[in-house]
Amino acid sequence: ENLELFARLEGERDARAVAEKLLAQFDVPADRPASTLSVGNRQR
C-alpha cells in the first residue's frame, strides 16, 4: 500500500505494477503493516 501510494504521487502510470516490481527486488513482506516489519525490512 505504501509503494502504490507513493508511486501514484510520483505520477507512475501503473502504480500496482511498479510496486510489485520493487517488492520483488527488495524481498519485503508485502501485506503486513509496515509497523510490524523487522528493522531490516523497514530500511529496504
All heavy atoms as atom14 arrays in JSON, in Angstrom:
{
  "sequence": "ENLELFARLEGERDARAVAEKLLAQFDVPADRPASTLSVGNRQR",
  "atom14_mask": [
    [1, 1, 1, 1, 1, 1, 1, 1, 1, 0, 0, 0, 0, 0],
    [1, 1, 1, 1, 1, 1, 1, 1, 0, 0, 0, 0, 0, 0],
    [1, 1, 1, 1, 1, 1, 1, 1, 0, 0, 0, 0, 0, 0],
    [1, 1, 1, 1, 1, 1, 1, 1, 1, 0, 0, 0, 0, 0],
    [1, 1, 1, 1, 1, 1, 1, 1, 0, 0, 0, 0, 0, 0],
    [1, 1, 1, 1, 1, 1, 1, 1, 1, 1, 1, 0, 0, 0],
    [1, 1, 1, 1, 1, 0, 0, 0, 0, 0, 0, 0, 0, 0],
    [1, 1, 1, 1, 1, 1, 1, 1, 1, 1, 1, 0, 0, 0],
    [1, 1, 1, 1, 1, 1, 1, 1, 0, 0, 0, 0, 0, 0],
    [1, 1, 1, 1, 1, 1, 1, 1, 1, 0, 0, 0, 0, 0],
    [1, 1, 1, 1, 0, 0, 0, 0, 0, 0, 0, 0, 0, 0],
    [1, 1, 1, 1, 1, 1, 1, 1, 1, 0, 0, 0, 0, 0],
    [1, 1, 1, 1, 1, 1, 1, 1, 1, 1, 1, 0, 0, 0],
    [1, 1, 1, 1, 1, 1, 1, 1, 0, 0, 0, 0, 0, 0],
    [1, 1, 1, 1, 1, 0, 0, 0, 0, 0, 0, 0, 0, 0],
    [1, 1, 1, 1, 1, 1, 1, 1, 1, 1, 1, 0, 0, 0],
    [1, 1, 1, 1, 1, 0, 0, 0, 0, 0, 0, 0, 0, 0],
    [1, 1, 1, 1, 1, 1, 1, 0, 0, 0, 0, 0, 0, 0],
    [1, 1, 1, 1, 1, 0, 0, 0, 0, 0, 0, 0, 0, 0],
    [1, 1, 1, 1, 1, 1, 1, 1, 1, 0, 0, 0, 0, 0],
    [1, 1, 1, 1, 1, 1, 1, 1, 1, 0, 0, 0, 0, 0],
    [1, 1, 1, 1, 1, 1, 1, 1, 0, 0, 0, 0, 0, 0],
    [1, 1, 1, 1, 1, 1, 1, 1, 0, 0, 0, 0, 0, 0],
    [1, 1, 1, 1, 1, 0, 0, 0, 0, 0, 0, 0, 0, 0],
    [1, 1, 1, 1, 1, 1, 1, 1, 1, 0, 0, 0, 0, 0],
    [1, 1, 1, 1, 1, 1, 1, 1, 1, 1, 1, 0, 0, 0],
    [1, 1, 1, 1, 1, 1, 1, 1, 0, 0, 0, 0, 0, 0],
    [1, 1, 1, 1, 1, 1, 1, 0, 0, 0, 0, 0, 0, 0],
    [1, 1, 1, 1, 1, 1, 1, 0, 0, 0, 0, 0, 0, 0],
    [1, 1, 1, 1, 1, 0, 0, 0, 0, 0, 0, 0, 0, 0],
    [1, 1, 1, 1, 1, 1, 1, 1, 0, 0, 0, 0, 0, 0],
    [1, 1, 1, 1, 1, 1, 1, 1, 1, 1, 1, 0, 0, 0],
    [1, 1, 1, 1, 1, 1, 1, 0, 0, 0, 0, 0, 0, 0],
    [1, 1, 1, 1, 1, 0, 0, 0, 0, 0, 0, 0, 0, 0],
    [1, 1, 1, 1, 1, 1, 0, 0, 0, 0, 0, 0, 0, 0],
    [1, 1, 1, 1, 1, 1, 1, 0, 0, 0, 0, 0, 0, 0],
    [1, 1, 1, 1, 1, 1, 1, 1, 0, 0, 0, 0, 0, 0],
    [1, 1, 1, 1, 1, 1, 0, 0, 0, 0, 0, 0, 0, 0],
    [1, 1, 1, 1, 1, 1, 1, 0, 0, 0, 0, 0, 0, 0],
    [1, 1, 1, 1, 0, 0, 0, 0, 0, 0, 0, 0, 0, 0],
    [1, 1, 1, 1, 1, 1, 1, 1, 0, 0, 0, 0, 0, 0],
    [1, 1, 1, 1, 1, 1, 1, 1, 1, 1, 1, 0, 0, 0],
    [1, 1, 1, 1, 1, 1, 1, 1, 1, 0, 0, 0, 0, 0],
    [1, 1, 1, 1, 1, 1, 1, 1, 1, 1, 1, 0, 0, 0]
  ],
  "atom14_positions": [
    [[0.83, -1.21, 0.0], [0.0, 0.0, 0.0], [0.86, 1.26, 0.0], [0.54, 2.24, -0.69], [-0.94, -0.01, 1.2], [-2.05, -1.05, 1.11], [-2.79, -1.24, 2.42], [-2.23, -0.89, 3.49], [-3.91, -1.77, 2.37], [0.0, 0.0, 0.0], [0.0, 0.0, 0.0], [0.0, 0.0, 0.0], [0.0, 0.0, 0.0], [0.0, 0.0, 0.0]],
    [[1.95, 1.24, 0.76], [2.86, 2.38, 0.76], [3.45, 2.61, -0.62], [3.47, 3.74, -1.13], [3.98, 2.15, 1.77], [3.68, 2.72, 3.15], [3.64, 3.93, 3.33], [3.46, 1.83, 4.11], [0.0, 0.0, 0.0], [0.0, 0.0, 0.0], [0.0, 0.0, 0.0], [0.0, 0.0, 0.0], [0.0, 0.0, 0.0], [0.0, 0.0, 0.0]],
    [[3.93, 1.54, -1.24], [4.57, 1.69, -2.54], [3.57, 2.14, -3.61], [3.9, 2.98, -4.45], [5.24, 0.37, -2.95], [6.54, 0.06, -2.21], [6.95, -1.39, -2.42], [7.66, 0.99, -2.69], [0.0, 0.0, 0.0], [0.0, 0.0, 0.0], [0.0, 0.0, 0.0], [0.0, 0.0, 0.0], [0.0, 0.0, 0.0], [0.0, 0.0, 0.0]],
    [[2.36, 1.61, -3.57], [1.36, 2.04, -4.55], [0.99, 3.5, -4.34], [0.83, 4.26, -5.3], [0.12, 1.15, -4.45], [0.35, -0.27, -4.98], [-0.92, -1.1, -5.0], [-2.0, -0.54, -4.72], [-0.83, -2.31, -5.28], [0.0, 0.0, 0.0], [0.0, 0.0, 0.0], [0.0, 0.0, 0.0], [0.0, 0.0, 0.0], [0.0, 0.0, 0.0]],
    [[0.85, 3.91, -3.07], [0.51, 5.3, -2.77], [1.59, 6.25, -3.28], [1.31, 7.22, -4.0], [0.32, 5.48, -1.26], [0.18, 6.93, -0.77], [-1.05, 7.59, -1.37], [0.13, 6.97, 0.76], [0.0, 0.0, 0.0], [0.0, 0.0, 0.0], [0.0, 0.0, 0.0], [0.0, 0.0, 0.0], [0.0, 0.0, 0.0], [0.0, 0.0, 0.0]],
    [[2.84, 5.97, -2.91], [3.92, 6.87, -3.31], [4.17, 6.8, -4.82], [4.6, 7.79, -5.43], [5.19, 6.55, -2.52], [5.15, 7.05, -1.1], [4.95, 6.16, -0.05], [5.28, 8.39, -0.81], [4.9, 6.61, 1.26], [5.23, 8.86, 0.5], [5.04, 7.96, 1.54], [0.0, 0.0, 0.0], [0.0, 0.0, 0.0], [0.0, 0.0, 0.0]],
    [[3.91, 5.65, -5.44], [4.03, 5.55, -6.9], [3.03, 6.47, -7.58], [3.36, 7.14, -8.57], [3.84, 4.11, -7.35], [0.0, 0.0, 0.0], [0.0, 0.0, 0.0], [0.0, 0.0, 0.0], [0.0, 0.0, 0.0], [0.0, 0.0, 0.0], [0.0, 0.0, 0.0], [0.0, 0.0, 0.0], [0.0, 0.0, 0.0], [0.0, 0.0, 0.0]],
    [[1.8, 6.51, -7.06], [0.8, 7.41, -7.63], [1.21, 8.86, -7.44], [1.04, 9.7, -8.34], [-0.57, 7.14, -7.01], [-1.22, 5.86, -7.49], [-2.68, 5.79, -7.09], [-2.83, 5.62, -5.64], [-2.89, 4.44, -5.04], [-2.8, 3.32, -5.75], [-3.04, 4.37, -3.73], [0.0, 0.0, 0.0], [0.0, 0.0, 0.0], [0.0, 0.0, 0.0]],
    [[1.78, 9.18, -6.27], [2.23, 10.55, -6.03], [3.37, 10.95, -6.96], [3.52, 12.13, -7.3], [2.67, 10.7, -4.57], [1.57, 10.6, -3.52], [2.16, 10.62, -2.11], [0.54, 11.73, -3.67], [0.0, 0.0, 0.0], [0.0, 0.0, 0.0], [0.0, 0.0, 0.0], [0.0, 0.0, 0.0], [0.0, 0.0, 0.0], [0.0, 0.0, 0.0]],
    [[4.17, 9.96, -7.38], [5.26, 10.22, -8.32], [4.77, 10.27, -9.77], [5.55, 10.54, -10.68], [6.34, 9.13, -8.19], [7.2, 9.26, -6.94], [8.14, 10.44, -7.01], [8.42, 10.94, -8.13], [8.6, 10.9, -5.95], [0.0, 0.0, 0.0], [0.0, 0.0, 0.0], [0.0, 0.0, 0.0], [0.0, 0.0, 0.0], [0.0, 0.0, 0.0]],
    [[3.47, 10.0, -9.98], [2.92, 10.07, -11.32], [3.12, 8.81, -12.14], [2.99, 8.85, -13.38], [0.0, 0.0, 0.0], [0.0, 0.0, 0.0], [0.0, 0.0, 0.0], [0.0, 0.0, 0.0], [0.0, 0.0, 0.0], [0.0, 0.0, 0.0], [0.0, 0.0, 0.0], [0.0, 0.0, 0.0], [0.0, 0.0, 0.0], [0.0, 0.0, 0.0]],
    [[3.44, 7.68, -11.49], [3.59, 6.42, -12.22], [2.25, 6.01, -12.82], [1.22, 6.04, -12.16], [4.1, 5.32, -11.28], [5.48, 5.58, -10.69], [6.59, 5.3, -11.69], [6.29, 4.94, -12.85], [7.77, 5.45, -11.31], [0.0, 0.0, 0.0], [0.0, 0.0, 0.0], [0.0, 0.0, 0.0], [0.0, 0.0, 0.0], [0.0, 0.0, 0.0]],
    [[2.26, 5.59, -14.08], [1.02, 5.23, -14.76], [0.41, 3.95, -14.2], [-0.81, 3.82, -14.12], [1.27, 5.08, -16.26], [1.6, 6.39, -16.95], [1.72, 6.21, -18.44], [1.98, 7.48, -19.12], [2.1, 7.59, -20.44], [1.98, 6.52, -21.21], [2.33, 8.78, -20.97], [0.0, 0.0, 0.0], [0.0, 0.0, 0.0], [0.0, 0.0, 0.0]],
    [[1.25, 2.98, -13.89], [0.75, 1.71, -13.36], [1.38, 1.5, -11.99], [2.38, 0.81, -11.84], [1.11, 0.56, -14.3], [0.38, -0.74, -13.95], [-0.09, -0.85, -12.79], [0.29, -1.62, -14.82], [0.0, 0.0, 0.0], [0.0, 0.0, 0.0], [0.0, 0.0, 0.0], [0.0, 0.0, 0.0], [0.0, 0.0, 0.0], [0.0, 0.0, 0.0]],
    [[0.79, 2.13, -10.98], [1.36, 2.1, -9.63], [1.45, 0.68, -9.09], [2.41, 0.34, -8.4], [0.52, 2.97, -8.7], [0.0, 0.0, 0.0], [0.0, 0.0, 0.0], [0.0, 0.0, 0.0], [0.0, 0.0, 0.0], [0.0, 0.0, 0.0], [0.0, 0.0, 0.0], [0.0, 0.0, 0.0], [0.0, 0.0, 0.0], [0.0, 0.0, 0.0]],
    [[0.46, -0.13, -9.4], [0.46, -1.51, -8.89], [1.63, -2.31, -9.45], [2.32, -3.01, -8.7], [-0.85, -2.2, -9.24], [-0.94, -3.63, -8.75], [-2.32, -4.22, -8.98], [-3.33, -3.48, -8.24], [-4.63, -3.78, -8.27], [-5.07, -4.78, -9.03], [-5.49, -3.08, -7.56], [0.0, 0.0, 0.0], [0.0, 0.0, 0.0], [0.0, 0.0, 0.0]],
    [[1.88, -2.19, -10.74], [2.99, -2.94, -11.35], [4.34, -2.46, -10.82], [5.24, -3.27, -10.56], [2.94, -2.78, -12.87], [0.0, 0.0, 0.0], [0.0, 0.0, 0.0], [0.0, 0.0, 0.0], [0.0, 0.0, 0.0], [0.0, 0.0, 0.0], [0.0, 0.0, 0.0], [0.0, 0.0, 0.0], [0.0, 0.0, 0.0], [0.0, 0.0, 0.0]],
    [[4.48, -1.16, -10.65], [5.74, -0.61, -10.11], [5.96, -1.11, -8.69], [7.08, -1.51, -8.32], [5.71, 0.92, -10.14], [6.89, 1.5, -9.38], [5.72, 1.43, -11.57], [0.0, 0.0, 0.0], [0.0, 0.0, 0.0], [0.0, 0.0, 0.0], [0.0, 0.0, 0.0], [0.0, 0.0, 0.0], [0.0, 0.0, 0.0], [0.0, 0.0, 0.0]],
    [[4.9, -1.12, -7.88], [5.02, -1.61, -6.51], [5.42, -3.07, -6.47], [6.28, -3.47, -5.68], [3.69, -1.39, -5.77], [0.0, 0.0, 0.0], [0.0, 0.0, 0.0], [0.0, 0.0, 0.0], [0.0, 0.0, 0.0], [0.0, 0.0, 0.0], [0.0, 0.0, 0.0], [0.0, 0.0, 0.0], [0.0, 0.0, 0.0], [0.0, 0.0, 0.0]],
    [[4.81, -3.88, -7.33], [5.12, -5.31, -7.35], [6.58, -5.55, -7.74], [7.26, -6.42, -7.19], [4.19, -6.04, -8.31], [2.75, -6.12, -7.85], [2.6, -6.86, -6.51], [3.37, -7.8, -6.25], [1.72, -6.47, -5.73], [0.0, 0.0, 0.0], [0.0, 0.0, 0.0], [0.0, 0.0, 0.0], [0.0, 0.0, 0.0], [0.0, 0.0, 0.0]],
    [[7.07, -4.77, -8.69], [8.46, -4.91, -9.12], [9.42, -4.61, -7.97], [10.38, -5.37, -7.73], [8.74, -3.98, -10.3], [10.19, -4.04, -10.79], [10.42, -3.07, -11.93], [11.87, -3.1, -12.38], [12.12, -2.13, -13.5], [0.0, 0.0, 0.0], [0.0, 0.0, 0.0], [0.0, 0.0, 0.0], [0.0, 0.0, 0.0], [0.0, 0.0, 0.0]],
    [[9.15, -3.54, -7.23], [10.04, -3.16, -6.12], [9.93, -4.14, -4.97], [10.94, -4.46, -4.31], [9.73, -1.74, -5.66], [10.18, -0.64, -6.62], [9.58, 0.7, -6.23], [11.71, -0.55, -6.64], [0.0, 0.0, 0.0], [0.0, 0.0, 0.0], [0.0, 0.0, 0.0], [0.0, 0.0, 0.0], [0.0, 0.0, 0.0], [0.0, 0.0, 0.0]],
    [[8.74, -4.65, -4.7], [8.57, -5.66, -3.65], [9.41, -6.89, -3.97], [10.04, -7.48, -3.08], [7.1, -6.04, -3.5], [6.2, -5.01, -2.83], [4.74, -5.39, -3.02], [6.53, -4.88, -1.35], [0.0, 0.0, 0.0], [0.0, 0.0, 0.0], [0.0, 0.0, 0.0], [0.0, 0.0, 0.0], [0.0, 0.0, 0.0], [0.0, 0.0, 0.0]],
    [[9.43, -7.28, -5.24], [10.21, -8.44, -5.64], [11.71, -8.15, -5.56], [12.49, -9.0, -5.11], [9.83, -8.85, -7.06], [0.0, 0.0, 0.0], [0.0, 0.0, 0.0], [0.0, 0.0, 0.0], [0.0, 0.0, 0.0], [0.0, 0.0, 0.0], [0.0, 0.0, 0.0], [0.0, 0.0, 0.0], [0.0, 0.0, 0.0], [0.0, 0.0, 0.0]],
    [[12.11, -6.96, -5.99], [13.52, -6.59, -5.95], [14.07, -6.61, -4.53], [15.18, -7.09, -4.28], [13.73, -5.2, -6.55], [13.83, -5.16, -8.05], [14.19, -3.78, -8.54], [13.54, -2.79, -8.19], [15.22, -3.68, -9.35], [0.0, 0.0, 0.0], [0.0, 0.0, 0.0], [0.0, 0.0, 0.0], [0.0, 0.0, 0.0], [0.0, 0.0, 0.0]],
    [[13.3, -6.06, -3.6], [13.79, -5.89, -2.24], [13.33, -7.0, -1.3], [13.74, -7.04, -0.14], [13.34, -4.53, -1.69], [14.13, -3.38, -2.23], [13.73, -2.73, -3.39], [15.29, -2.96, -1.6], [14.46, -1.67, -3.9], [16.03, -1.9, -2.11], [15.62, -1.26, -3.26], [0.0, 0.0, 0.0], [0.0, 0.0, 0.0], [0.0, 0.0, 0.0]],
    [[12.47, -7.9, -1.77], [12.02, -9.04, -0.98], [11.45, -8.6, 0.37], [11.79, -9.12, 1.43], [13.17, -10.03, -0.77], [12.69, -11.37, -0.24], [11.52, -11.71, -0.49], [13.48, -12.07, 0.41], [0.0, 0.0, 0.0], [0.0, 0.0, 0.0], [0.0, 0.0, 0.0], [0.0, 0.0, 0.0], [0.0, 0.0, 0.0], [0.0, 0.0, 0.0]],
    [[10.56, -7.6, 0.31], [9.92, -7.07, 1.51], [8.54, -7.74, 1.66], [7.8, -7.84, 0.68], [9.73, -5.54, 1.42], [9.0, -5.01, 2.64], [11.08, -4.86, 1.27], [0.0, 0.0, 0.0], [0.0, 0.0, 0.0], [0.0, 0.0, 0.0], [0.0, 0.0, 0.0], [0.0, 0.0, 0.0], [0.0, 0.0, 0.0], [0.0, 0.0, 0.0]],
    [[8.18, -8.22, 2.87], [6.82, -8.76, 3.08], [5.78, -7.74, 2.65], [5.75, -6.61, 3.14], [6.78, -9.03, 4.58], [8.21, -9.27, 4.95], [9.01, -8.33, 4.08], [0.0, 0.0, 0.0], [0.0, 0.0, 0.0], [0.0, 0.0, 0.0], [0.0, 0.0, 0.0], [0.0, 0.0, 0.0], [0.0, 0.0, 0.0], [0.0, 0.0, 0.0]],
    [[4.89, -8.13, 1.75], [4.03, -7.17, 1.06], [2.81, -6.75, 1.84], [2.36, -5.6, 1.73], [3.61, -7.74, -0.29], [0.0, 0.0, 0.0], [0.0, 0.0, 0.0], [0.0, 0.0, 0.0], [0.0, 0.0, 0.0], [0.0, 0.0, 0.0], [0.0, 0.0, 0.0], [0.0, 0.0, 0.0], [0.0, 0.0, 0.0], [0.0, 0.0, 0.0]],
    [[2.22, -7.64, 2.63], [0.87, -7.41, 3.14], [0.77, -7.32, 4.66], [-0.3, -7.54, 5.22], [-0.06, -8.5, 2.6], [-0.16, -8.44, 1.08], [-0.39, -7.34, 0.56], [0.03, -9.48, 0.43], [0.0, 0.0, 0.0], [0.0, 0.0, 0.0], [0.0, 0.0, 0.0], [0.0, 0.0, 0.0], [0.0, 0.0, 0.0], [0.0, 0.0, 0.0]],
    [[1.88, -7.0, 5.3], [1.87, -6.75, 6.74], [2.01, -5.26, 6.98], [2.71, -4.57, 6.23], [3.01, -7.5, 7.42], [2.85, -9.02, 7.43], [4.15, -9.69, 7.83], [4.77, -9.07, 8.98], [6.01, -9.36, 9.4], [6.76, -10.21, 8.73], [6.49, -8.77, 10.47], [0.0, 0.0, 0.0], [0.0, 0.0, 0.0], [0.0, 0.0, 0.0]],
    [[1.35, -4.73, 8.02], [1.55, -3.3, 8.33], [3.04, -2.98, 8.47], [3.81, -3.76, 9.06], [0.81, -3.13, 9.66], [-0.23, -4.2, 9.65], [0.41, -5.37, 8.95], [0.0, 0.0, 0.0], [0.0, 0.0, 0.0], [0.0, 0.0, 0.0], [0.0, 0.0, 0.0], [0.0, 0.0, 0.0], [0.0, 0.0, 0.0], [0.0, 0.0, 0.0]],
    [[3.44, -1.87, 7.94], [4.86, -1.51, 7.97], [5.41, -1.46, 9.39], [6.58, -1.73, 9.62], [5.08, -0.18, 7.26], [0.0, 0.0, 0.0], [0.0, 0.0, 0.0], [0.0, 0.0, 0.0], [0.0, 0.0, 0.0], [0.0, 0.0, 0.0], [0.0, 0.0, 0.0], [0.0, 0.0, 0.0], [0.0, 0.0, 0.0], [0.0, 0.0, 0.0]],
    [[4.54, -1.12, 10.35], [4.98, -1.02, 11.74], [5.42, -2.36, 12.31], [6.14, -2.4, 13.31], [3.86, -0.44, 12.61], [2.73, -1.28, 12.58], [0.0, 0.0, 0.0], [0.0, 0.0, 0.0], [0.0, 0.0, 0.0], [0.0, 0.0, 0.0], [0.0, 0.0, 0.0], [0.0, 0.0, 0.0], [0.0, 0.0, 0.0], [0.0, 0.0, 0.0]],
    [[5.0, -3.47, 11.69], [5.34, -4.81, 12.2], [6.56, -5.41, 11.51], [6.98, -6.51, 11.86], [4.15, -5.76, 12.04], [3.94, -6.03, 10.65], [2.88, -5.19, 12.65], [0.0, 0.0, 0.0], [0.0, 0.0, 0.0], [0.0, 0.0, 0.0], [0.0, 0.0, 0.0], [0.0, 0.0, 0.0], [0.0, 0.0, 0.0], [0.0, 0.0, 0.0]],
    [[7.12, -4.71, 10.55], [8.27, -5.24, 9.82], [9.53, -5.18, 10.67], [9.65, -4.35, 11.58], [8.49, -4.44, 8.54], [7.38, -4.5, 7.48], [7.73, -3.57, 6.32], [7.14, -5.91, 7.0], [0.0, 0.0, 0.0], [0.0, 0.0, 0.0], [0.0, 0.0, 0.0], [0.0, 0.0, 0.0], [0.0, 0.0, 0.0], [0.0, 0.0, 0.0]],
    [[10.47, -6.05, 10.37], [11.77, -6.01, 11.04], [12.5, -4.73, 10.66], [12.16, -4.05, 9.67], [12.61, -7.22, 10.63], [12.99, -7.12, 9.27], [0.0, 0.0, 0.0], [0.0, 0.0, 0.0], [0.0, 0.0, 0.0], [0.0, 0.0, 0.0], [0.0, 0.0, 0.0], [0.0, 0.0, 0.0], [0.0, 0.0, 0.0], [0.0, 0.0, 0.0]],
    [[13.53, -4.4, 11.43], [14.31, -3.2, 11.15], [14.9, -3.25, 9.75], [14.87, -2.26, 9.0], [15.42, -3.02, 12.2], [16.33, -1.84, 11.83], [14.82, -2.8, 13.58], [0.0, 0.0, 0.0], [0.0, 0.0, 0.0], [0.0, 0.0, 0.0], [0.0, 0.0, 0.0], [0.0, 0.0, 0.0], [0.0, 0.0, 0.0], [0.0, 0.0, 0.0]],
    [[15.41, -4.41, 9.36], [16.0, -4.54, 8.03], [14.98, -4.35, 6.93], [15.24, -3.68, 5.93], [0.0, 0.0, 0.0], [0.0, 0.0, 0.0], [0.0, 0.0, 0.0], [0.0, 0.0, 0.0], [0.0, 0.0, 0.0], [0.0, 0.0, 0.0], [0.0, 0.0, 0.0], [0.0, 0.0, 0.0], [0.0, 0.0, 0.0], [0.0, 0.0, 0.0]],
    [[13.78, -4.96, 7.1], [12.74, -4.82, 6.09], [12.23, -3.38, 6.01], [11.89, -2.89, 4.93], [11.58, -5.76, 6.38], [11.88, -7.18, 5.94], [12.57, -7.4, 4.95], [11.38, -8.15, 6.68], [0.0, 0.0, 0.0], [0.0, 0.0, 0.0], [0.0, 0.0, 0.0], [0.0, 0.0, 0.0], [0.0, 0.0, 0.0], [0.0, 0.0, 0.0]],
    [[12.18, -2.7, 7.14], [11.77, -1.3, 7.12], [12.76, -0.46, 6.31], [12.36, 0.42, 5.55], [11.68, -0.75, 8.54], [10.56, -1.32, 9.38], [10.51, -0.63, 10.73], [9.54, -1.25, 11.61], [9.16, -0.74, 12.76], [9.68, 0.41, 13.18], [8.28, -1.35, 13.52], [0.0, 0.0, 0.0], [0.0, 0.0, 0.0], [0.0, 0.0, 0.0]],
    [[14.02, -0.75, 6.51], [15.03, 0.03, 5.78], [14.95, -0.25, 4.28], [15.08, 0.66, 3.45], [16.43, -0.28, 6.3], [17.55, 0.5, 5.64], [17.49, 1.99, 5.92], [16.44, 2.55, 6.19], [18.64, 2.65, 5.84], [0.0, 0.0, 0.0], [0.0, 0.0, 0.0], [0.0, 0.0, 0.0], [0.0, 0.0, 0.0], [0.0, 0.0, 0.0]],
    [[14.73, -1.5, 3.91], [14.61, -1.82, 2.49], [13.37, -1.16, 1.88], [13.39, -0.72, 0.73], [14.6, -3.33, 2.3], [15.99, -3.95, 2.47], [15.99, -5.41, 2.14], [15.32, -6.18, 3.18], [15.01, -7.47, 3.07], [15.26, -8.11, 1.94], [14.44, -8.12, 4.07], [0.0, 0.0, 0.0], [0.0, 0.0, 0.0], [0.0, 0.0, 0.0]]
  ]
}
